[in-house]
N, C-alpha and C. Protein backbone atom coordinates (compact mmCIF):
# COMPACT_ATOMS: atom_id res chain seq x y z
N MET A 1 43.64 -9.03 48.64
CA MET A 1 43.63 -9.29 47.22
C MET A 1 42.20 -9.14 46.70
N ALA A 2 42.03 -8.27 45.73
CA ALA A 2 40.69 -8.00 45.19
C ALA A 2 40.29 -9.11 44.22
N GLU A 3 39.00 -9.45 44.28
CA GLU A 3 38.50 -10.44 43.35
C GLU A 3 38.29 -9.80 41.99
N THR A 4 38.77 -10.47 40.95
CA THR A 4 38.55 -9.97 39.59
C THR A 4 37.45 -10.81 38.96
N GLU A 5 36.60 -10.13 38.25
CA GLU A 5 35.50 -10.83 37.59
C GLU A 5 36.03 -11.55 36.36
N ALA A 6 35.72 -12.81 36.23
CA ALA A 6 36.19 -13.60 35.09
C ALA A 6 35.51 -13.10 33.82
N TYR A 7 36.29 -13.03 32.75
CA TYR A 7 35.76 -12.59 31.46
C TYR A 7 35.00 -13.73 30.81
N GLU A 8 33.83 -13.42 30.26
CA GLU A 8 33.05 -14.42 29.54
C GLU A 8 32.72 -13.87 28.15
N PRO A 9 32.97 -14.66 27.10
CA PRO A 9 32.62 -14.21 25.75
C PRO A 9 31.13 -13.89 25.63
N ARG A 10 30.82 -12.94 24.76
CA ARG A 10 29.45 -12.47 24.59
C ARG A 10 28.50 -13.60 24.18
N LEU A 11 28.91 -14.41 23.20
CA LEU A 11 28.04 -15.49 22.73
C LEU A 11 27.84 -16.59 23.77
N LYS A 12 28.82 -16.80 24.63
CA LYS A 12 28.68 -17.81 25.67
C LYS A 12 27.61 -17.39 26.67
N GLY A 13 27.62 -16.11 27.05
CA GLY A 13 26.60 -15.59 27.95
C GLY A 13 25.22 -15.61 27.31
N GLU A 14 25.19 -15.30 26.00
CA GLU A 14 23.92 -15.32 25.27
C GLU A 14 23.37 -16.74 25.18
N TYR A 15 24.27 -17.72 25.02
CA TYR A 15 23.85 -19.12 24.97
C TYR A 15 23.18 -19.51 26.29
N ARG A 16 23.83 -19.15 27.39
CA ARG A 16 23.27 -19.51 28.70
C ARG A 16 21.94 -18.80 28.98
N ALA A 17 21.87 -17.51 28.64
CA ALA A 17 20.71 -16.71 29.02
C ALA A 17 19.52 -16.88 28.08
N ARG A 18 19.76 -16.93 26.76
CA ARG A 18 18.66 -16.89 25.81
C ARG A 18 18.49 -18.17 25.00
N ILE A 19 19.60 -18.72 24.50
CA ILE A 19 19.52 -19.81 23.53
C ILE A 19 19.11 -21.13 24.18
N ARG A 20 19.69 -21.47 25.34
CA ARG A 20 19.33 -22.72 26.01
C ARG A 20 17.83 -22.81 26.32
N PRO A 21 17.26 -21.76 26.95
CA PRO A 21 15.81 -21.85 27.22
C PRO A 21 14.97 -21.94 25.95
N ALA A 22 15.37 -21.23 24.89
CA ALA A 22 14.61 -21.27 23.64
C ALA A 22 14.67 -22.67 23.02
N MET A 23 15.85 -23.30 23.06
CA MET A 23 15.99 -24.65 22.50
C MET A 23 15.19 -25.66 23.33
N LYS A 24 15.21 -25.50 24.65
CA LYS A 24 14.48 -26.43 25.53
C LYS A 24 12.98 -26.34 25.26
N GLU A 25 12.51 -25.10 25.05
CA GLU A 25 11.09 -24.91 24.79
C GLU A 25 10.69 -25.47 23.43
N LYS A 26 11.50 -25.24 22.40
CA LYS A 26 11.13 -25.65 21.05
C LYS A 26 11.12 -27.17 20.90
N PHE A 27 12.13 -27.85 21.47
CA PHE A 27 12.25 -29.30 21.26
C PHE A 27 11.78 -30.12 22.45
N ASN A 28 11.25 -29.48 23.50
CA ASN A 28 10.70 -30.17 24.68
C ASN A 28 11.67 -31.18 25.29
N TYR A 29 12.88 -30.72 25.59
CA TYR A 29 13.85 -31.60 26.23
C TYR A 29 13.47 -31.79 27.69
N SER A 30 13.59 -33.03 28.18
CA SER A 30 13.25 -33.30 29.57
C SER A 30 14.45 -33.10 30.49
N ASN A 31 15.65 -33.15 29.92
CA ASN A 31 16.87 -33.05 30.69
C ASN A 31 17.72 -31.90 30.14
N GLU A 32 18.37 -31.14 31.01
CA GLU A 32 19.22 -30.02 30.59
C GLU A 32 20.37 -30.49 29.70
N MET A 33 20.86 -31.70 29.94
CA MET A 33 22.00 -32.20 29.18
C MET A 33 21.64 -32.58 27.75
N GLN A 34 20.35 -32.68 27.44
CA GLN A 34 19.93 -33.00 26.07
C GLN A 34 20.02 -31.78 25.16
N ILE A 35 20.07 -30.60 25.72
CA ILE A 35 20.08 -29.38 24.91
C ILE A 35 21.39 -29.30 24.13
N PRO A 36 21.32 -29.17 22.80
CA PRO A 36 22.54 -29.10 22.00
C PRO A 36 23.38 -27.87 22.35
N ARG A 37 24.69 -28.02 22.22
CA ARG A 37 25.61 -26.91 22.45
C ARG A 37 26.75 -27.02 21.43
N LEU A 38 27.51 -25.96 21.34
CA LEU A 38 28.69 -25.99 20.47
C LEU A 38 29.76 -26.84 21.14
N ASP A 39 30.38 -27.72 20.37
CA ASP A 39 31.43 -28.58 20.90
C ASP A 39 32.81 -28.03 20.56
N LYS A 40 33.04 -27.78 19.26
CA LYS A 40 34.33 -27.25 18.82
C LYS A 40 34.17 -26.65 17.44
N ILE A 41 35.17 -25.86 17.06
CA ILE A 41 35.24 -25.31 15.70
C ILE A 41 36.61 -25.67 15.15
N VAL A 42 36.62 -26.31 13.97
CA VAL A 42 37.87 -26.70 13.33
C VAL A 42 38.06 -25.83 12.10
N ILE A 43 39.21 -25.14 12.04
CA ILE A 43 39.53 -24.29 10.89
C ILE A 43 40.68 -24.96 10.15
N ASN A 44 40.49 -25.19 8.86
CA ASN A 44 41.48 -25.88 8.03
C ASN A 44 41.86 -24.97 6.87
N MET A 45 43.15 -24.88 6.60
CA MET A 45 43.63 -24.05 5.50
C MET A 45 44.54 -24.92 4.63
N GLY A 46 44.14 -25.16 3.40
CA GLY A 46 44.97 -25.92 2.48
C GLY A 46 45.97 -25.00 1.80
N ILE A 47 47.25 -25.35 1.89
CA ILE A 47 48.28 -24.50 1.30
C ILE A 47 49.14 -25.33 0.36
N GLY A 48 48.51 -25.84 -0.68
CA GLY A 48 49.21 -26.68 -1.65
C GLY A 48 50.27 -25.93 -2.42
N GLU A 49 50.13 -24.61 -2.57
CA GLU A 49 51.13 -23.82 -3.29
C GLU A 49 52.45 -23.80 -2.54
N ALA A 50 52.43 -24.20 -1.26
CA ALA A 50 53.64 -24.18 -0.44
C ALA A 50 54.60 -25.30 -0.81
N VAL A 51 54.20 -26.18 -1.74
CA VAL A 51 55.07 -27.28 -2.14
C VAL A 51 56.39 -26.74 -2.67
N GLY A 52 56.32 -25.69 -3.48
CA GLY A 52 57.54 -25.12 -4.06
C GLY A 52 58.27 -24.17 -3.13
N ASP A 53 57.58 -23.58 -2.17
CA ASP A 53 58.19 -22.56 -1.32
C ASP A 53 57.70 -22.71 0.12
N SER A 54 58.60 -23.08 1.01
CA SER A 54 58.20 -23.32 2.40
C SER A 54 57.89 -22.01 3.13
N LYS A 55 58.34 -20.88 2.60
CA LYS A 55 58.03 -19.58 3.23
C LYS A 55 56.53 -19.29 3.15
N LYS A 56 55.88 -19.78 2.10
CA LYS A 56 54.43 -19.58 1.96
C LYS A 56 53.68 -20.34 3.05
N ALA A 57 54.16 -21.53 3.39
CA ALA A 57 53.53 -22.30 4.46
C ALA A 57 53.67 -21.57 5.79
N GLN A 58 54.85 -20.99 6.03
CA GLN A 58 55.07 -20.24 7.27
C GLN A 58 54.16 -19.02 7.33
N ALA A 59 54.01 -18.32 6.19
CA ALA A 59 53.15 -17.12 6.15
C ALA A 59 51.69 -17.49 6.39
N ALA A 60 51.23 -18.61 5.79
CA ALA A 60 49.85 -19.05 5.98
C ALA A 60 49.60 -19.44 7.43
N MET A 61 50.56 -20.10 8.05
CA MET A 61 50.40 -20.51 9.45
C MET A 61 50.42 -19.29 10.38
N LYS A 62 51.21 -18.28 10.02
CA LYS A 62 51.23 -17.04 10.81
C LYS A 62 49.87 -16.34 10.72
N ASP A 63 49.29 -16.31 9.51
CA ASP A 63 47.97 -15.69 9.34
C ASP A 63 46.90 -16.46 10.12
N LEU A 64 46.96 -17.79 10.07
CA LEU A 64 45.98 -18.60 10.80
C LEU A 64 46.11 -18.41 12.31
N THR A 65 47.34 -18.23 12.78
CA THR A 65 47.56 -17.94 14.19
C THR A 65 46.93 -16.61 14.57
N ALA A 66 47.08 -15.60 13.70
CA ALA A 66 46.51 -14.28 13.98
C ALA A 66 44.98 -14.34 14.00
N ILE A 67 44.38 -15.12 13.11
CA ILE A 67 42.92 -15.21 13.03
C ILE A 67 42.35 -15.93 14.25
N THR A 68 42.97 -17.04 14.65
CA THR A 68 42.38 -17.88 15.70
C THR A 68 42.93 -17.61 17.09
N GLY A 69 44.11 -17.04 17.19
CA GLY A 69 44.70 -16.82 18.50
C GLY A 69 45.30 -18.09 19.08
N GLN A 70 45.54 -19.07 18.22
CA GLN A 70 46.06 -20.35 18.67
C GLN A 70 47.02 -20.87 17.60
N LYS A 71 48.09 -21.55 18.02
CA LYS A 71 49.09 -22.05 17.07
C LYS A 71 48.51 -23.20 16.25
N PRO A 72 48.60 -23.12 14.91
CA PRO A 72 48.04 -24.19 14.08
C PRO A 72 48.95 -25.42 14.03
N LEU A 73 48.34 -26.54 13.71
CA LEU A 73 49.06 -27.78 13.50
C LEU A 73 49.29 -27.93 12.00
N ALA A 74 50.53 -28.17 11.61
CA ALA A 74 50.84 -28.35 10.19
C ALA A 74 50.37 -29.74 9.75
N THR A 75 49.62 -29.80 8.65
CA THR A 75 49.21 -31.09 8.10
C THR A 75 50.18 -31.43 6.98
N LYS A 76 50.62 -32.69 6.97
CA LYS A 76 51.67 -33.10 6.03
C LYS A 76 51.13 -34.13 5.06
N ALA A 77 51.76 -34.19 3.88
CA ALA A 77 51.37 -35.15 2.85
C ALA A 77 51.67 -36.57 3.33
N ARG A 78 50.70 -37.47 3.15
CA ARG A 78 50.90 -38.86 3.57
C ARG A 78 51.70 -39.66 2.56
N THR A 79 51.47 -39.34 1.28
CA THR A 79 52.16 -40.08 0.22
C THR A 79 52.79 -39.11 -0.77
N SER A 80 53.73 -39.60 -1.54
CA SER A 80 54.38 -38.80 -2.58
C SER A 80 53.56 -38.89 -3.86
N ILE A 81 53.38 -37.74 -4.52
CA ILE A 81 52.68 -37.70 -5.80
C ILE A 81 53.57 -36.91 -6.77
N ALA A 82 54.19 -37.61 -7.71
CA ALA A 82 55.17 -37.00 -8.60
C ALA A 82 54.55 -35.92 -9.48
N GLY A 83 53.31 -36.13 -9.93
CA GLY A 83 52.65 -35.17 -10.81
C GLY A 83 52.46 -33.81 -10.15
N PHE A 84 52.34 -33.78 -8.83
CA PHE A 84 52.17 -32.52 -8.10
C PHE A 84 53.48 -32.05 -7.46
N LYS A 85 54.58 -32.74 -7.76
CA LYS A 85 55.89 -32.44 -7.16
C LYS A 85 55.80 -32.48 -5.63
N LEU A 86 55.08 -33.47 -5.15
CA LEU A 86 54.80 -33.59 -3.72
C LEU A 86 55.53 -34.80 -3.15
N ARG A 87 56.26 -34.58 -2.07
CA ARG A 87 56.94 -35.68 -1.39
C ARG A 87 56.27 -35.94 -0.05
N GLU A 88 56.38 -37.17 0.40
CA GLU A 88 55.80 -37.55 1.68
C GLU A 88 56.41 -36.71 2.81
N GLY A 89 55.55 -36.17 3.67
CA GLY A 89 56.02 -35.37 4.81
C GLY A 89 56.07 -33.88 4.55
N MET A 90 55.80 -33.44 3.32
CA MET A 90 55.81 -32.00 3.04
C MET A 90 54.55 -31.34 3.62
N VAL A 91 54.67 -30.11 4.09
CA VAL A 91 53.54 -29.38 4.65
C VAL A 91 52.60 -28.96 3.52
N VAL A 92 51.33 -29.39 3.61
CA VAL A 92 50.34 -29.04 2.59
C VAL A 92 49.12 -28.32 3.17
N GLY A 93 49.14 -28.09 4.48
CA GLY A 93 48.00 -27.41 5.08
C GLY A 93 48.26 -27.12 6.55
N ALA A 94 47.27 -26.46 7.16
CA ALA A 94 47.34 -26.15 8.59
C ALA A 94 45.93 -26.22 9.14
N LYS A 95 45.81 -26.66 10.40
CA LYS A 95 44.49 -26.72 11.00
C LYS A 95 44.56 -26.32 12.47
N VAL A 96 43.43 -25.80 12.96
CA VAL A 96 43.32 -25.38 14.35
C VAL A 96 41.98 -25.88 14.87
N THR A 97 41.97 -26.43 16.07
CA THR A 97 40.73 -26.83 16.74
C THR A 97 40.52 -25.89 17.92
N LEU A 98 39.41 -25.15 17.88
CA LEU A 98 39.09 -24.20 18.93
C LEU A 98 38.01 -24.78 19.84
N ARG A 99 38.18 -24.60 21.13
CA ARG A 99 37.19 -25.05 22.10
C ARG A 99 36.98 -23.95 23.13
N LYS A 100 35.90 -24.08 23.89
CA LYS A 100 35.57 -23.19 25.02
C LYS A 100 35.55 -21.72 24.62
N ASP A 101 36.20 -20.83 25.39
CA ASP A 101 36.09 -19.39 25.18
C ASP A 101 36.63 -18.94 23.82
N ARG A 102 37.75 -19.53 23.38
CA ARG A 102 38.31 -19.14 22.07
C ARG A 102 37.33 -19.47 20.95
N MET A 103 36.60 -20.57 21.10
CA MET A 103 35.62 -20.97 20.09
C MET A 103 34.50 -19.92 19.99
N TYR A 104 34.00 -19.47 21.14
CA TYR A 104 32.94 -18.47 21.14
C TYR A 104 33.44 -17.13 20.58
N GLU A 105 34.67 -16.75 20.93
CA GLU A 105 35.25 -15.51 20.41
C GLU A 105 35.38 -15.56 18.90
N PHE A 106 35.90 -16.68 18.37
CA PHE A 106 36.05 -16.82 16.93
C PHE A 106 34.70 -16.79 16.24
N LEU A 107 33.71 -17.49 16.78
CA LEU A 107 32.39 -17.53 16.18
C LEU A 107 31.76 -16.13 16.14
N ASP A 108 31.95 -15.37 17.20
CA ASP A 108 31.44 -14.00 17.26
C ASP A 108 32.06 -13.15 16.15
N ARG A 109 33.38 -13.24 15.97
CA ARG A 109 34.05 -12.46 14.92
C ARG A 109 33.64 -12.95 13.54
N LEU A 110 33.45 -14.26 13.39
CA LEU A 110 33.05 -14.81 12.10
C LEU A 110 31.67 -14.28 11.68
N ILE A 111 30.71 -14.30 12.60
CA ILE A 111 29.34 -13.91 12.28
C ILE A 111 29.19 -12.40 12.15
N THR A 112 29.79 -11.65 13.06
CA THR A 112 29.54 -10.20 13.09
C THR A 112 30.49 -9.39 12.22
N ILE A 113 31.71 -9.88 11.97
CA ILE A 113 32.69 -9.08 11.23
C ILE A 113 33.07 -9.70 9.90
N ALA A 114 33.51 -10.98 9.91
CA ALA A 114 34.09 -11.58 8.70
C ALA A 114 33.06 -11.86 7.61
N LEU A 115 31.95 -12.53 7.95
CA LEU A 115 30.97 -12.87 6.91
C LEU A 115 30.36 -11.64 6.24
N PRO A 116 30.03 -10.57 6.97
CA PRO A 116 29.53 -9.38 6.27
C PRO A 116 30.55 -8.73 5.33
N ARG A 117 31.84 -9.02 5.52
CA ARG A 117 32.87 -8.44 4.66
C ARG A 117 33.13 -9.28 3.41
N VAL A 118 32.51 -10.47 3.30
CA VAL A 118 32.70 -11.31 2.13
C VAL A 118 32.02 -10.64 0.93
N LYS A 119 32.75 -10.62 -0.19
CA LYS A 119 32.23 -10.00 -1.40
C LYS A 119 31.06 -10.82 -1.95
N ASP A 120 29.99 -10.16 -2.37
CA ASP A 120 28.79 -10.80 -2.92
C ASP A 120 28.21 -11.85 -1.98
N PHE A 121 28.16 -11.55 -0.69
CA PHE A 121 27.65 -12.50 0.30
C PHE A 121 26.14 -12.50 0.28
N ARG A 122 25.56 -13.68 0.05
CA ARG A 122 24.10 -13.81 0.01
C ARG A 122 23.57 -14.71 1.11
N GLY A 123 24.39 -15.02 2.08
CA GLY A 123 23.97 -15.90 3.16
C GLY A 123 24.63 -17.26 3.04
N LEU A 124 24.56 -18.01 4.13
CA LEU A 124 25.14 -19.35 4.16
C LEU A 124 24.12 -20.39 3.72
N LYS A 125 24.60 -21.45 3.08
CA LYS A 125 23.71 -22.52 2.65
C LYS A 125 23.17 -23.26 3.87
N PRO A 126 21.85 -23.35 4.02
CA PRO A 126 21.30 -24.06 5.19
C PRO A 126 21.36 -25.57 5.05
N THR A 127 21.91 -26.08 3.95
CA THR A 127 21.95 -27.53 3.71
C THR A 127 23.33 -28.13 3.94
N SER A 128 24.29 -27.37 4.39
CA SER A 128 25.67 -27.87 4.53
C SER A 128 25.90 -28.60 5.85
N PHE A 129 24.92 -29.37 6.29
CA PHE A 129 25.06 -30.17 7.50
C PHE A 129 25.43 -31.59 7.10
N ASP A 130 26.08 -32.33 7.99
CA ASP A 130 26.57 -33.66 7.65
C ASP A 130 25.65 -34.81 8.10
N GLY A 131 24.50 -34.50 8.70
CA GLY A 131 23.60 -35.55 9.17
C GLY A 131 23.76 -35.83 10.65
N ARG A 132 24.85 -35.34 11.26
CA ARG A 132 25.09 -35.55 12.68
C ARG A 132 25.16 -34.23 13.45
N GLY A 133 24.68 -33.16 12.83
CA GLY A 133 24.63 -31.88 13.53
C GLY A 133 25.86 -31.01 13.39
N ASN A 134 26.74 -31.31 12.44
CA ASN A 134 27.92 -30.48 12.22
C ASN A 134 27.74 -29.68 10.95
N TYR A 135 28.20 -28.42 10.97
CA TYR A 135 28.02 -27.51 9.84
C TYR A 135 29.37 -27.11 9.28
N ALA A 136 29.51 -27.16 7.95
CA ALA A 136 30.76 -26.80 7.29
C ALA A 136 30.53 -25.64 6.34
N LEU A 137 31.46 -24.70 6.33
CA LEU A 137 31.41 -23.60 5.37
C LEU A 137 32.81 -23.29 4.89
N GLY A 138 32.91 -22.76 3.71
CA GLY A 138 34.21 -22.41 3.14
C GLY A 138 34.30 -20.93 2.88
N LEU A 139 35.47 -20.38 3.11
CA LEU A 139 35.73 -18.97 2.80
C LEU A 139 36.81 -18.95 1.72
N ARG A 140 36.60 -18.14 0.68
CA ARG A 140 37.58 -18.07 -0.40
C ARG A 140 38.78 -17.22 -0.04
N GLU A 141 38.57 -16.23 0.84
CA GLU A 141 39.65 -15.32 1.19
C GLU A 141 39.77 -15.20 2.70
N HIS A 142 40.97 -15.33 3.22
CA HIS A 142 41.16 -15.19 4.65
C HIS A 142 41.31 -13.73 5.06
N ILE A 143 41.32 -12.83 4.08
CA ILE A 143 41.51 -11.40 4.39
C ILE A 143 40.25 -10.73 4.92
N VAL A 144 39.13 -11.47 5.01
CA VAL A 144 37.90 -10.88 5.55
C VAL A 144 37.99 -10.72 7.06
N PHE A 145 38.97 -11.35 7.70
CA PHE A 145 39.14 -11.20 9.14
C PHE A 145 39.92 -9.93 9.44
N PRO A 146 39.51 -9.19 10.47
CA PRO A 146 40.17 -7.92 10.76
C PRO A 146 41.61 -8.06 11.26
N GLU A 147 41.99 -9.25 11.71
CA GLU A 147 43.35 -9.45 12.21
C GLU A 147 44.39 -9.45 11.09
N ILE A 148 43.95 -9.64 9.86
CA ILE A 148 44.87 -9.72 8.72
C ILE A 148 45.03 -8.33 8.10
N ASN A 149 46.27 -7.88 8.05
CA ASN A 149 46.58 -6.60 7.41
C ASN A 149 46.77 -6.86 5.92
N TYR A 150 45.90 -6.29 5.10
CA TYR A 150 45.89 -6.55 3.67
C TYR A 150 47.22 -6.19 3.01
N ASP A 151 47.89 -5.16 3.49
CA ASP A 151 49.14 -4.70 2.88
C ASP A 151 50.31 -5.64 3.15
N GLU A 152 50.22 -6.44 4.21
CA GLU A 152 51.35 -7.28 4.60
C GLU A 152 51.30 -8.70 4.05
N ILE A 153 50.18 -9.10 3.44
CA ILE A 153 50.08 -10.47 2.96
C ILE A 153 50.61 -10.59 1.54
N ASP A 154 51.19 -11.76 1.23
CA ASP A 154 51.69 -11.97 -0.12
C ASP A 154 50.77 -12.86 -0.95
N GLN A 155 49.88 -13.59 -0.28
CA GLN A 155 48.95 -14.47 -1.00
C GLN A 155 47.65 -14.61 -0.21
N ILE A 156 46.55 -14.76 -0.94
CA ILE A 156 45.24 -14.94 -0.31
C ILE A 156 44.95 -16.43 -0.24
N TRP A 157 44.59 -16.89 0.96
CA TRP A 157 44.31 -18.31 1.18
C TRP A 157 42.83 -18.52 1.44
N GLY A 158 42.33 -19.67 1.03
CA GLY A 158 40.97 -20.08 1.37
C GLY A 158 41.01 -20.90 2.64
N MET A 159 39.86 -21.02 3.28
CA MET A 159 39.82 -21.82 4.51
C MET A 159 38.45 -22.47 4.69
N ASP A 160 38.47 -23.61 5.37
CA ASP A 160 37.24 -24.32 5.71
C ASP A 160 37.00 -24.15 7.20
N VAL A 161 35.74 -23.91 7.55
CA VAL A 161 35.36 -23.78 8.96
C VAL A 161 34.27 -24.82 9.22
N VAL A 162 34.51 -25.70 10.19
CA VAL A 162 33.54 -26.73 10.56
C VAL A 162 33.10 -26.45 12.00
N VAL A 163 31.79 -26.22 12.17
CA VAL A 163 31.22 -25.98 13.49
C VAL A 163 30.61 -27.28 13.97
N CYS A 164 31.19 -27.88 15.00
CA CYS A 164 30.73 -29.16 15.55
C CYS A 164 29.82 -28.89 16.74
N THR A 165 28.65 -29.50 16.73
CA THR A 165 27.70 -29.35 17.83
C THR A 165 27.41 -30.71 18.44
N THR A 166 26.74 -30.70 19.58
CA THR A 166 26.34 -31.96 20.22
C THR A 166 24.92 -32.36 19.78
N ALA A 167 24.35 -31.66 18.82
CA ALA A 167 23.01 -31.98 18.34
C ALA A 167 23.01 -33.34 17.64
N ARG A 168 21.92 -34.08 17.79
CA ARG A 168 21.83 -35.39 17.18
C ARG A 168 21.28 -35.33 15.76
N THR A 169 20.51 -34.30 15.44
CA THR A 169 19.94 -34.19 14.10
C THR A 169 20.31 -32.84 13.49
N ASP A 170 20.18 -32.76 12.17
CA ASP A 170 20.48 -31.51 11.47
C ASP A 170 19.48 -30.41 11.84
N ASP A 171 18.22 -30.78 12.09
CA ASP A 171 17.22 -29.77 12.45
C ASP A 171 17.56 -29.10 13.77
N GLU A 172 18.00 -29.90 14.75
CA GLU A 172 18.40 -29.32 16.03
C GLU A 172 19.61 -28.41 15.86
N ALA A 173 20.59 -28.85 15.08
CA ALA A 173 21.80 -28.06 14.86
C ALA A 173 21.47 -26.77 14.10
N ARG A 174 20.58 -26.88 13.09
CA ARG A 174 20.20 -25.70 12.31
C ARG A 174 19.53 -24.66 13.21
N GLU A 175 18.65 -25.12 14.10
CA GLU A 175 17.97 -24.21 15.02
C GLU A 175 18.97 -23.59 15.99
N LEU A 176 19.92 -24.38 16.48
CA LEU A 176 20.95 -23.86 17.39
C LEU A 176 21.76 -22.75 16.71
N LEU A 177 22.19 -22.99 15.46
CA LEU A 177 22.99 -21.98 14.75
C LEU A 177 22.15 -20.76 14.37
N LYS A 178 20.85 -20.97 14.09
CA LYS A 178 19.97 -19.82 13.85
C LYS A 178 19.87 -18.96 15.10
N GLN A 179 19.82 -19.59 16.26
CA GLN A 179 19.77 -18.85 17.51
C GLN A 179 21.05 -18.05 17.73
N PHE A 180 22.18 -18.56 17.21
CA PHE A 180 23.45 -17.84 17.29
C PHE A 180 23.56 -16.77 16.21
N GLN A 181 22.46 -16.51 15.47
CA GLN A 181 22.40 -15.48 14.43
C GLN A 181 23.23 -15.82 13.19
N PHE A 182 23.38 -17.11 12.87
CA PHE A 182 24.04 -17.47 11.63
C PHE A 182 23.23 -16.94 10.46
N PRO A 183 23.85 -16.28 9.50
CA PRO A 183 23.12 -15.67 8.39
C PRO A 183 22.77 -16.68 7.28
N PHE A 184 21.85 -17.60 7.57
CA PHE A 184 21.42 -18.56 6.55
C PHE A 184 20.55 -17.85 5.51
N ASN A 185 20.70 -18.28 4.24
CA ASN A 185 19.79 -17.73 3.22
C ASN A 185 18.58 -18.64 3.12
N ALA A 186 17.44 -18.07 2.75
CA ALA A 186 16.16 -18.76 2.62
C ALA A 186 15.59 -19.31 3.87
């Protein structure tokens, strides 16, 4: 039986080879485990228009599956709101949590393919950190991903992407994401 070489995402190899040593040198970490790394990426898609039509929720979840390569979890309304014609338990969104290799693959496609396709893109805000090293960004259109066939979609959905890191401060997380070639403006 021949040994097959295990596949490793491009950004994961780059993290091991280039980013870890650069971070260790810049912040003078004494222990390898102190070096910040990516923990997970959470993608959230709000589909409030699906209140009237459950087929829209299914279409949005199918698109999110195509983008992430993982089955999304349907988020449901906790309470009923009559003004929005919303009943408790109705599907109002979908979310996916990516870890390990899928996380690196998604991040690679986000940085190299999807963000450059955003209309009037001027870079990401470098201030969208939460104080604990996590970065959040929003996309107005999910059609910037190459997995989505523009002719087959019936509606354009927005999505939130949260990149969670093990960094303790925003400065460490900002430097980590800069090393991953995040297109920050200014």
